[in-house]
Amino acid sequence: MKKVDGVIFDVDGTLLDSMYVWKDAGPNYLKSRGIDTTGQPNKVFKAMTLLQAAQYYQEEYGIKESTDEIIDGIYKGIERYYFDEVILKDGVADFLQKLYSNNIKMCIATATDRYLIEAAFKRLDISHYFSQIFTSSETGVGKSNPKIYFKALEHLQTKKENTLVFEDALYAIKTAKKADFKVVGVYDRFESDRQDVIKEITDFYINSFLEIEDVLKSF
């Protein structure tokens, strides 16, 4: 691991087995407002920030609430999962401890709101591994824009070529790769139909963190 100085982690679908939470977050919010989206594609919560999603709901469905109220409503519908339910993916705890023991700097780049991530990390006892959490809402852009990765890199103060980005979502992987980051693709069942492309464009690929030693040896 001598060549790895820093790691930037995504959270949902990467460290946490939590993408199921977001699968129905949008439709459930709309249903609570009397809007049935059965049979319609769920376009939101992939490449959008929550602000963009809220604006989309205002324009597409005529919701009169403010964007802040919409975002708050979405969060209220999912926060119990982060406070009480979501778990780490296999091998994550051991890997984080290994990085920590080897003085590898770690931080988070996530599209999910800070208070949800902090609640889950505290419950799962992994908060101490990360020096900072960067969120899309705080940086003002979703992961279609590489700003969040550059902010994380600036914080870590490591060289880009010695820093790994761990991501599960294809659109975020494309963003990080276009910005010349070294990316580890992490399998998640909610991206299962995109795995061939993810394997092709990432520098490394793992089905789970139980395979991570092979990546570190080849880096």
Protein backbone atom coordinates (compact mmCIF):
# COMPACT_ATOMS: atom_id res chain seq x y z
CA MET A 1 0.00 0.00 0.00
CA LYS A 2 3.03 2.29 -0.13
CA LYS A 3 1.75 4.06 -3.26
CA VAL A 4 -1.67 4.86 -1.81
CA ASP A 5 -1.62 8.01 0.31
CA GLY A 6 -5.30 8.96 0.27
CA VAL A 7 -8.73 7.51 -0.40
CA ILE A 8 -11.98 9.29 -1.29
CA PHE A 9 -15.03 7.16 -0.59
CA ASP A 10 -18.55 7.39 -1.89
CA VAL A 11 -21.04 6.11 0.70
CA ASP A 12 -24.34 4.76 -0.66
CA GLY A 13 -23.77 1.58 -2.63
CA THR A 14 -20.05 1.73 -1.87
CA LEU A 15 -19.48 1.61 1.89
CA LEU A 16 -23.12 1.18 2.87
CA ASP A 17 -25.63 -1.28 1.48
CA SER A 18 -28.18 1.50 1.24
CA MET A 19 -29.23 2.09 -2.36
CA TYR A 20 -32.53 0.32 -1.69
CA VAL A 21 -33.40 3.31 0.50
CA TRP A 22 -33.25 5.65 -2.50
CA LYS A 23 -34.92 3.33 -4.98
CA ASP A 24 -38.40 4.36 -3.87
CA ALA A 25 -37.62 7.62 -2.05
CA GLY A 26 -38.91 9.80 -4.88
CA PRO A 27 -42.07 7.83 -5.69
CA ASN A 28 -42.87 7.50 -1.98
CA TYR A 29 -42.54 11.25 -1.48
CA LEU A 30 -44.78 11.94 -4.47
CA LYS A 31 -47.29 9.35 -3.24
CA SER A 32 -47.44 11.18 0.09
CA ARG A 33 -48.47 14.25 -1.91
CA GLY A 34 -51.21 12.34 -3.76
CA ILE A 35 -49.24 11.79 -6.96
CA ASP A 36 -49.13 8.24 -8.36
CA THR A 37 -46.04 7.53 -10.48
CA THR A 38 -46.69 3.81 -10.94
CA GLY A 39 -45.26 2.69 -14.28
CA GLN A 40 -43.21 5.84 -14.74
CA PRO A 41 -39.40 5.67 -14.81
CA ASN A 42 -37.75 6.92 -11.62
CA LYS A 43 -35.45 9.54 -13.13
CA VAL A 44 -34.45 11.18 -9.90
CA PHE A 45 -31.68 10.47 -7.35
CA LYS A 46 -29.10 9.26 -9.83
CA ALA A 47 -27.27 12.18 -11.35
CA MET A 48 -29.33 14.90 -9.65
CA THR A 49 -28.72 16.71 -6.40
CA LEU A 50 -31.73 16.81 -4.11
CA LEU A 51 -32.18 20.47 -4.98
CA GLN A 52 -32.35 19.55 -8.66
CA ALA A 53 -34.79 16.75 -7.82
CA ALA A 54 -36.99 19.16 -5.85
CA GLN A 55 -36.99 21.61 -8.76
CA TYR A 56 -37.86 18.76 -11.12
CA TYR A 57 -40.83 17.80 -8.96
CA GLN A 58 -42.04 21.39 -8.93
CA GLU A 59 -41.85 21.65 -12.71
CA GLU A 60 -42.98 18.13 -13.63
CA TYR A 61 -45.72 17.60 -11.06
CA GLY A 62 -46.68 21.13 -10.09
CA ILE A 63 -45.80 20.74 -6.42
CA LYS A 64 -46.25 24.09 -4.71
CA GLU A 65 -44.00 23.50 -1.72
CA SER A 66 -40.61 25.22 -1.65
CA THR A 67 -37.54 23.23 -2.62
CA ASP A 68 -36.46 23.19 1.04
CA GLU A 69 -39.82 21.75 2.06
CA ILE A 70 -39.64 19.10 -0.65
CA ILE A 71 -36.11 18.10 0.37
CA ASP A 72 -37.14 17.95 4.02
CA GLY A 73 -40.09 15.74 3.10
CA ILE A 74 -37.86 13.33 1.18
CA TYR A 75 -35.39 13.12 4.04
CA LYS A 76 -38.12 12.53 6.60
CA GLY A 77 -39.22 9.55 4.56
CA ILE A 78 -35.80 7.86 4.60
CA GLU A 79 -33.94 9.03 7.70
CA ARG A 80 -35.04 6.07 9.83
CA TYR A 81 -32.99 3.79 7.58
CA TYR A 82 -29.76 5.68 8.30
CA PHE A 83 -30.50 6.06 12.00
CA ASP A 84 -31.52 2.43 12.56
CA GLU A 85 -31.09 0.04 9.66
CA VAL A 86 -28.48 0.34 6.87
CA ILE A 87 -25.38 -1.79 7.28
CA LEU A 88 -21.81 -1.82 5.98
CA LYS A 89 -21.01 -3.87 2.93
CA ASP A 90 -18.98 -7.03 3.45
CA GLY A 91 -15.32 -6.37 4.27
CA VAL A 92 -15.66 -2.61 4.68
CA ALA A 93 -14.90 -2.47 8.42
CA ASP A 94 -11.70 -4.48 8.11
CA PHE A 95 -10.54 -2.48 5.09
CA LEU A 96 -11.07 0.86 6.82
CA GLN A 97 -9.14 -0.35 9.83
CA LYS A 98 -6.31 -1.52 7.58
CA LEU A 99 -6.08 1.87 5.87
CA TYR A 100 -6.24 3.64 9.21
CA SER A 101 -3.49 1.46 10.66
CA ASN A 102 -1.30 2.31 7.69
CA ASN A 103 -1.88 6.07 8.08
CA ILE A 104 -3.78 6.37 4.82
CA LYS A 105 -5.84 9.56 4.75
CA MET A 106 -9.57 9.06 4.16
CA CYS A 107 -12.54 11.30 3.50
CA ILE A 108 -16.06 11.08 2.10
CA ALA A 109 -17.64 12.48 -1.07
CA THR A 110 -21.38 11.81 -1.05
CA ALA A 111 -24.62 13.03 -2.59
CA THR A 112 -26.47 12.27 0.66
CA ASP A 113 -27.02 14.86 3.36
CA ARG A 114 -24.47 15.13 6.15
CA TYR A 115 -26.79 14.37 9.07
CA LEU A 116 -27.82 11.04 7.57
CA ILE A 117 -24.24 9.98 6.90
CA GLU A 118 -23.10 11.07 10.35
CA ALA A 119 -25.96 9.16 12.00
CA ALA A 120 -25.16 5.95 10.14
CA PHE A 121 -21.41 6.26 10.69
CA LYS A 122 -21.84 6.89 14.41
CA ARG A 123 -24.12 3.86 14.78
CA LEU A 124 -21.70 1.69 12.80
CA ASP A 125 -18.67 3.08 14.68
CA ILE A 126 -16.69 4.21 11.62
CA SER A 127 -16.78 8.01 12.01
CA HIS A 128 -13.22 8.18 13.32
CA TYR A 129 -11.76 6.87 10.08
CA PHE A 130 -12.70 9.95 8.06
CA SER A 131 -11.21 13.41 8.42
CA GLN A 132 -14.02 15.13 6.51
CA ILE A 133 -17.36 14.55 4.81
CA PHE A 134 -18.06 16.44 1.58
CA THR A 135 -21.67 16.49 0.40
CA SER A 136 -23.28 17.56 -2.85
CA SER A 137 -25.59 19.98 -1.05
CA GLU A 138 -22.66 21.73 0.61
CA THR A 139 -20.50 21.87 -2.52
CA GLY A 140 -23.48 22.94 -4.62
CA VAL A 141 -23.09 20.31 -7.36
CA GLY A 142 -24.00 16.71 -7.96
CA LYS A 143 -21.49 14.09 -8.99
CA SER A 144 -21.94 14.94 -12.63
CA ASN A 145 -19.48 17.69 -11.72
CA PRO A 146 -15.99 16.75 -10.39
CA LYS A 147 -15.89 19.65 -7.92
CA ILE A 148 -16.64 17.41 -4.94
CA TYR A 149 -13.66 15.17 -5.75
CA PHE A 150 -11.31 18.11 -6.12
CA LYS A 151 -12.52 19.53 -2.80
CA ALA A 152 -11.83 16.17 -1.18
CA LEU A 153 -8.39 15.94 -2.77
CA GLU A 154 -7.52 19.44 -1.62
CA HIS A 155 -8.52 18.50 1.89
CA LEU A 156 -6.46 15.29 1.90
CA GLN A 157 -3.44 17.13 0.48
CA THR A 158 -2.36 14.02 -1.39
CA LYS A 159 -1.25 13.71 -5.00
CA LYS A 160 -4.00 12.69 -7.40
CA GLU A 161 -1.93 9.81 -8.74
CA ASN A 162 -1.58 8.42 -5.20
CA THR A 163 -5.26 8.83 -4.33
CA LEU A 164 -8.03 6.32 -5.01
CA VAL A 165 -11.71 7.13 -5.50
CA PHE A 166 -14.16 4.35 -4.60
CA GLU A 167 -17.53 4.58 -6.41
CA ASP A 168 -20.37 2.26 -7.37
CA ALA A 169 -22.47 4.46 -9.70
CA LEU A 170 -21.56 4.65 -13.37
CA TYR A 171 -22.31 8.36 -13.78
CA ALA A 172 -20.07 9.27 -10.82
CA ILE A 173 -17.33 6.95 -12.03
CA LYS A 174 -17.40 8.67 -15.42
CA THR A 175 -17.09 12.05 -13.74
CA ALA A 176 -14.11 11.01 -11.61
CA LYS A 177 -12.37 9.31 -14.54
CA LYS A 178 -12.88 12.33 -16.81
CA ALA A 179 -11.13 14.37 -14.11
CA ASP A 180 -8.21 11.90 -14.22
CA PHE A 181 -8.74 10.29 -10.84
CA LYS A 182 -7.82 6.65 -10.27
CA VAL A 183 -11.13 4.90 -9.63
CA VAL A 184 -12.03 1.62 -7.97
CA GLY A 185 -15.40 0.41 -9.18
CA VAL A 186 -17.43 -1.30 -6.45
CA TYR A 187 -20.19 -3.73 -7.38
CA ASP A 188 -23.67 -2.85 -6.18
CA ARG A 189 -26.79 -4.77 -7.11
CA PHE A 190 -28.61 -1.58 -8.05
CA GLU A 191 -26.02 -0.96 -10.79
CA SER A 192 -25.93 -4.59 -11.92
CA ASP A 193 -26.91 -3.81 -15.50
CA ARG A 194 -23.95 -1.42 -15.86
CA GLN A 195 -21.15 -3.62 -14.58
CA ASP A 196 -19.58 -4.37 -17.97
CA VAL A 197 -19.12 -0.66 -18.64
CA ILE A 198 -17.91 0.01 -15.09
CA LYS A 199 -15.30 -2.75 -15.38
CA GLU A 200 -14.14 -1.32 -18.69
CA ILE A 201 -13.59 2.27 -17.58
CA THR A 202 -12.36 1.90 -13.98
CA ASP A 203 -8.73 1.38 -13.04
CA PHE A 204 -9.68 -1.41 -10.63
CA TYR A 205 -12.88 -3.32 -9.91
CA ILE A 206 -14.11 -5.31 -6.90
CA ASN A 207 -17.22 -7.39 -6.35
CA SER A 208 -16.80 -6.74 -2.61
CA PHE A 209 -14.24 -5.37 -0.19
CA LEU A 210 -13.25 -8.95 0.58
CA GLU A 211 -11.31 -8.76 -2.72
CA ILE A 212 -9.53 -5.50 -1.95
CA GLU A 213 -6.09 -7.00 -1.32
CA ASP A 214 -5.76 -7.80 -5.03
CA VAL A 215 -6.35 -4.14 -5.87
CA LEU A 216 -3.80 -2.88 -3.38
CA LYS A 217 -1.18 -5.31 -4.67
CA SER A 218 -1.66 -4.14 -8.25
CA PHE A 219 -1.70 -0.40 -7.50
